[in-house]
Amino acid sequence: DCRDVIYLDYLEKGYTITGAYYAKLLENVRATIKEKRCGLLGWGPLLQQDNTPAYTSHVAVASARKCGFKILPYPP
């Protein structure tokens, strides 16, 4: 967000981001947006991410859609 940081998450050293972890992270981001910027969810926040397997997994994409995020296509 242009005003300040909405959500910050640190992954413990030695762990890897998986689709399930990222899906849960998106749900946490949505809850934080709802708390801090409730009007933003009505606009359908845009989600810009790269094409790593954790982000493009079926679990993560389904969670992003369920949370109401619009996923921008990754440029070639």
C-alpha atoms as a PDB file:
ATOM      1  CA  ASP A   1       0.000   0.000   0.000  1.00  0.00           C
ATOM      2  CA  CYS A   2       1.278   3.493  -0.731  1.00  0.00           C
ATOM      3  CA  ARG A   3       0.555   4.694   2.821  1.00  0.00           C
ATOM      4  CA  ASP A   4       2.470   2.109   4.834  1.00  0.00           C
ATOM      5  CA  VAL A   5       3.216  -1.582   5.255  1.00  0.00           C
ATOM      6  CA  ILE A   6       0.024  -3.597   5.607  1.00  0.00           C
ATOM      7  CA  TYR A   7       1.449  -7.004   6.473  1.00  0.00           C
ATOM      8  CA  LEU A   8       4.925  -8.368   7.102  1.00  0.00           C
ATOM      9  CA  ASP A   9       5.900 -12.019   7.445  1.00  0.00           C
ATOM     10  CA  TYR A  10       9.252 -13.658   8.083  1.00  0.00           C
ATOM     11  CA  LEU A  11       9.936 -17.293   7.264  1.00  0.00           C
ATOM     12  CA  GLU A  12      12.211 -19.142   9.639  1.00  0.00           C
ATOM     13  CA  LYS A  13      15.654 -19.969   8.310  1.00  0.00           C
ATOM     14  CA  GLY A  14      15.837 -23.352   6.627  1.00  0.00           C
ATOM     15  CA  TYR A  15      12.148 -23.476   5.623  1.00  0.00           C
ATOM     16  CA  THR A  16      10.723 -23.258   2.122  1.00  0.00           C
ATOM     17  CA  ILE A  17       7.582 -21.466   0.966  1.00  0.00           C
ATOM     18  CA  THR A  18       5.041 -24.017  -0.223  1.00  0.00           C
ATOM     19  CA  GLY A  19       1.673 -23.525  -1.879  1.00  0.00           C
ATOM     20  CA  ALA A  20      -0.139 -24.264   1.394  1.00  0.00           C
ATOM     21  CA  TYR A  21       2.058 -21.814   3.329  1.00  0.00           C
ATOM     22  CA  TYR A  22       1.487 -19.116   0.705  1.00  0.00           C
ATOM     23  CA  ALA A  23      -2.277 -19.756   0.707  1.00  0.00           C
ATOM     24  CA  LYS A  24      -2.381 -19.251   4.478  1.00  0.00           C
ATOM     25  CA  LEU A  25      -0.251 -16.133   4.073  1.00  0.00           C
ATOM     26  CA  LEU A  26      -2.768 -14.696   1.582  1.00  0.00           C
ATOM     27  CA  GLU A  27      -5.593 -15.327   4.049  1.00  0.00           C
ATOM     28  CA  ASN A  28      -3.616 -13.470   6.725  1.00  0.00           C
ATOM     29  CA  VAL A  29      -2.996 -10.584   4.316  1.00  0.00           C
ATOM     30  CA  ARG A  30      -6.712 -10.390   3.548  1.00  0.00           C
ATOM     31  CA  ALA A  31      -7.590 -10.329   7.246  1.00  0.00           C
ATOM     32  CA  THR A  32      -5.064  -7.554   7.841  1.00  0.00           C
ATOM     33  CA  ILE A  33      -6.377  -5.542   4.878  1.00  0.00           C
ATOM     34  CA  LYS A  34      -9.892  -5.959   6.251  1.00  0.00           C
ATOM     35  CA  GLU A  35      -8.692  -4.626   9.601  1.00  0.00           C
ATOM     36  CA  LYS A  36      -6.491  -1.752   8.383  1.00  0.00           C
ATOM     37  CA  ARG A  37      -8.002  -0.791   4.983  1.00  0.00           C
ATOM     38  CA  CYS A  38     -11.537  -2.174   4.915  1.00  0.00           C
ATOM     39  CA  GLY A  39     -12.493  -0.126   1.818  1.00  0.00           C
ATOM     40  CA  LEU A  40      -9.684  -1.653  -0.231  1.00  0.00           C
ATOM     41  CA  LEU A  41     -11.287  -5.104  -0.403  1.00  0.00           C
ATOM     42  CA  GLY A  42     -14.276  -3.696  -2.272  1.00  0.00           C
ATOM     43  CA  TRP A  43     -11.979  -2.648  -5.114  1.00  0.00           C
ATOM     44  CA  GLY A  44     -10.518  -6.138  -5.523  1.00  0.00           C
ATOM     45  CA  PRO A  45      -6.853  -5.689  -4.627  1.00  0.00           C
ATOM     46  CA  LEU A  46      -4.354  -6.513  -7.367  1.00  0.00           C
ATOM     47  CA  LEU A  47      -1.770  -9.172  -6.652  1.00  0.00           C
ATOM     48  CA  GLN A  48       1.523  -8.954  -8.532  1.00  0.00           C
ATOM     49  CA  GLN A  49       3.771 -11.960  -8.038  1.00  0.00           C
ATOM     50  CA  ASP A  50       6.351 -13.908  -9.974  1.00  0.00           C
ATOM     51  CA  ASN A  51       5.810 -17.386 -11.389  1.00  0.00           C
ATOM     52  CA  THR A  52       7.458 -19.550  -8.729  1.00  0.00           C
ATOM     53  CA  PRO A  53       5.767 -22.915  -8.128  1.00  0.00           C
ATOM     54  CA  ALA A  54       4.496 -21.936  -4.668  1.00  0.00           C
ATOM     55  CA  TYR A  55       2.661 -18.910  -6.079  1.00  0.00           C
ATOM     56  CA  THR A  56       1.218 -20.682  -9.101  1.00  0.00           C
ATOM     57  CA  SER A  57       0.115 -23.854  -7.280  1.00  0.00           C
ATOM     58  CA  HIS A  58      -3.577 -24.713  -7.393  1.00  0.00           C
ATOM     59  CA  VAL A  59      -3.880 -24.224  -3.638  1.00  0.00           C
ATOM     60  CA  ALA A  60      -2.384 -20.718  -3.721  1.00  0.00           C
ATOM     61  CA  VAL A  61      -4.352 -19.565  -6.777  1.00  0.00           C
ATOM     62  CA  ALA A  62      -7.616 -20.858  -5.305  1.00  0.00           C
ATOM     63  CA  SER A  63      -6.868 -19.079  -2.028  1.00  0.00           C
ATOM     64  CA  ALA A  64      -6.082 -15.811  -3.833  1.00  0.00           C
ATOM     65  CA  ARG A  65      -9.356 -15.979  -5.728  1.00  0.00           C
ATOM     66  CA  LYS A  66     -11.265 -16.882  -2.565  1.00  0.00           C
ATOM     67  CA  CYS A  67      -9.729 -13.864  -0.832  1.00  0.00           C
ATOM     68  CA  GLY A  68     -10.868 -11.607  -3.676  1.00  0.00           C
ATOM     69  CA  PHE A  69      -7.436 -10.743  -5.073  1.00  0.00           C
ATOM     70  CA  LYS A  70      -7.090 -10.137  -8.804  1.00  0.00           C
ATOM     71  CA  ILE A  71      -3.902 -11.850  -9.985  1.00  0.00           C
ATOM     72  CA  LEU A  72      -2.000  -9.859 -12.590  1.00  0.00           C
ATOM     73  CA  PRO A  73      -0.351 -11.973 -15.303  1.00  0.00           C
ATOM     74  CA  TYR A  74       3.396 -12.352 -14.992  1.00  0.00           C
ATOM     75  CA  PRO A  75       5.115 -10.652 -17.927  1.00  0.00           C
ATOM     76  CA  PRO A  76       7.249 -12.849 -20.184  1.00  0.00           C
END
